[in-house]
Amino acid sequence: MSLYIFESLEKKYGDQVSWNRSDRRLLFDRINAGLMEISQPCMGEATWTKPVSRRIRSLTGQEMIEEDLWMLLVIQEKEGTVARKNLEEKLQRSEIGKLDLGDDIDCIGIEIERLLIDELVEEFVSNLAWIV
């Protein structure tokens, strides 16, 4: 489909506030690619070489295309969701692996050491005062 079709639809329905233009354009492009994918194998193909399910379908041509396109979009969305989850998990694992806590651990250790030494000195001084 031509980009002109998208622009015409935008003029007619562009005031939709629930979707922004880039999301509508992405959907248009996905539908366009899906239509190409669906129609490509059928061009120049003899009827007898098509799968039996396509030859015997009770749906009209338009309904069949709509159903095939819908299924294609659903599959793409599921694949995209799985890919996003995998990417998020990889990023989380890589971020955790890259955390350098060495300096923080050293600071905490030094602070604990200082507090313990101060406490020991106070205890020693109080015991020494008791002895003297």
Protein backbone atom coordinates (compact mmCIF):
# COMPACT_ATOMS: atom_id res chain seq x y z
CA MET A 1 0.00 0.00 0.00
CA SER A 2 1.11 3.47 -0.71
CA LEU A 3 2.10 5.92 1.99
CA TYR A 4 -0.62 8.11 0.51
CA ILE A 5 -3.18 5.73 2.06
CA PHE A 6 -1.63 6.25 5.48
CA GLU A 7 -1.68 10.02 5.05
CA SER A 8 -5.34 9.90 3.95
CA LEU A 9 -6.23 7.83 7.01
CA GLU A 10 -4.32 10.27 9.20
CA LYS A 11 -6.31 13.20 7.82
CA LYS A 12 -9.54 11.36 8.51
CA TYR A 13 -8.71 9.72 11.88
CA GLY A 14 -5.54 11.53 13.00
CA ASP A 15 -7.19 13.17 15.99
CA GLN A 16 -7.10 9.88 17.92
CA VAL A 17 -5.48 10.69 21.25
CA SER A 18 -5.20 7.10 22.48
CA TRP A 19 -2.47 6.30 19.93
CA ASN A 20 0.32 8.53 18.82
CA ARG A 21 1.19 8.90 15.15
CA SER A 22 4.35 6.80 15.33
CA ASP A 23 2.41 3.83 16.76
CA ARG A 24 -0.24 4.15 14.04
CA ARG A 25 2.49 4.33 11.39
CA LEU A 26 4.18 1.23 12.83
CA LEU A 27 0.89 -0.68 12.69
CA PHE A 28 0.33 0.51 9.11
CA ASP A 29 3.80 -0.69 8.12
CA ARG A 30 3.27 -4.05 9.86
CA ILE A 31 -0.06 -4.50 8.08
CA ASN A 32 1.54 -3.56 4.78
CA ALA A 33 4.37 -6.05 5.29
CA GLY A 34 1.87 -8.71 6.38
CA LEU A 35 -0.22 -8.21 3.26
CA MET A 36 2.91 -8.59 1.15
CA GLU A 37 3.86 -11.76 3.00
CA ILE A 38 0.37 -13.22 2.63
CA SER A 39 -0.03 -12.36 -1.05
CA GLN A 40 3.53 -13.21 -2.17
CA PRO A 41 3.20 -17.02 -2.10
CA CYS A 42 -0.15 -16.87 -3.91
CA MET A 43 1.03 -14.92 -6.93
CA GLY A 44 1.48 -17.13 -9.93
CA GLU A 45 0.71 -20.26 -7.95
CA ALA A 46 -1.62 -22.81 -9.47
CA THR A 47 -4.75 -23.55 -7.43
CA TRP A 48 -3.93 -27.24 -7.11
CA THR A 49 -0.57 -26.45 -5.45
CA LYS A 50 -2.18 -24.44 -2.65
CA PRO A 51 -2.83 -26.18 0.67
CA VAL A 52 -6.18 -27.93 0.81
CA SER A 53 -7.26 -25.79 3.75
CA ARG A 54 -6.90 -22.67 1.58
CA ARG A 55 -8.79 -24.21 -1.34
CA ILE A 56 -11.73 -25.45 0.74
CA ARG A 57 -12.10 -22.50 3.13
CA SER A 58 -15.62 -21.25 3.47
CA LEU A 59 -14.44 -17.71 4.04
CA THR A 60 -14.50 -15.13 1.27
CA GLY A 61 -11.21 -13.82 -0.06
CA GLN A 62 -11.37 -10.67 2.06
CA GLU A 63 -12.28 -12.56 5.25
CA MET A 64 -9.48 -15.05 4.61
CA ILE A 65 -6.95 -12.25 4.14
CA GLU A 66 -8.20 -10.46 7.28
CA GLU A 67 -7.93 -13.67 9.32
CA ASP A 68 -4.45 -14.49 7.98
CA LEU A 69 -3.29 -10.92 8.59
CA TRP A 70 -4.69 -10.89 12.11
CA MET A 71 -2.96 -14.19 12.95
CA LEU A 72 0.31 -12.89 11.50
CA LEU A 73 0.10 -9.72 13.63
CA VAL A 74 -0.71 -11.75 16.76
CA ILE A 75 2.26 -14.06 16.15
CA GLN A 76 4.57 -11.08 15.58
CA GLU A 77 3.35 -9.46 18.80
CA LYS A 78 3.97 -12.65 20.79
CA GLU A 79 7.44 -13.01 19.28
CA GLY A 80 8.16 -9.36 20.06
CA THR A 81 7.01 -9.79 23.66
CA VAL A 82 9.22 -12.86 24.13
CA ALA A 83 12.17 -11.08 22.53
CA ARG A 84 11.68 -8.03 24.77
CA LYS A 85 11.55 -10.23 27.89
CA ASN A 86 14.71 -12.07 26.83
CA LEU A 87 16.47 -8.78 26.17
CA GLU A 88 15.37 -7.37 29.53
CA GLU A 89 16.66 -10.48 31.31
CA LYS A 90 19.99 -10.29 29.50
CA LEU A 91 20.33 -6.61 30.37
CA GLN A 92 19.53 -7.27 34.02
CA ARG A 93 22.06 -10.10 34.20
CA SER A 94 24.73 -8.02 32.51
CA GLU A 95 24.05 -5.02 34.78
CA ILE A 96 24.30 -7.18 37.90
CA GLY A 97 27.54 -8.71 36.64
CA LYS A 98 29.02 -5.29 35.94
CA LEU A 99 28.31 -3.80 39.36
CA ASP A 100 31.59 -2.97 41.06
CA LEU A 101 30.91 -3.07 44.75
CA GLY A 102 34.55 -3.34 45.79
CA ASP A 103 34.88 0.32 46.78
CA ASP A 104 31.61 0.25 48.70
CA ILE A 105 32.63 -2.90 50.56
CA ASP A 106 35.98 -1.32 51.45
CA CYS A 107 34.26 1.82 52.81
CA ILE A 108 31.87 -0.24 54.92
CA GLY A 109 34.73 -2.39 56.22
CA ILE A 110 36.79 0.67 57.16
CA GLU A 111 33.79 2.21 58.96
CA ILE A 112 33.17 -1.01 60.95
CA GLU A 113 36.87 -1.25 61.76
CA ARG A 114 36.90 2.38 63.01
CA LEU A 115 33.81 1.80 65.17
CA LEU A 116 35.28 -1.40 66.69
CA ILE A 117 38.61 0.25 67.44
CA ASP A 118 36.84 3.23 69.04
CA GLU A 119 34.77 0.85 71.17
CA LEU A 120 37.84 -1.18 72.21
CA VAL A 121 39.76 1.98 73.12
CA GLU A 122 36.84 3.24 75.22
CA GLU A 123 36.58 -0.12 76.97
CA PHE A 124 40.33 -0.24 77.57
CA VAL A 125 40.36 3.31 78.94
CA SER A 126 37.41 2.59 81.24
CA ASN A 127 39.10 -0.62 82.51
CA LEU A 128 42.35 1.23 82.97
CA ALA A 129 40.59 3.93 84.98
CA TRP A 130 39.01 1.26 87.14
CA ILE A 131 42.42 -0.32 87.85
CA VAL A 132 44.09 2.98 88.68
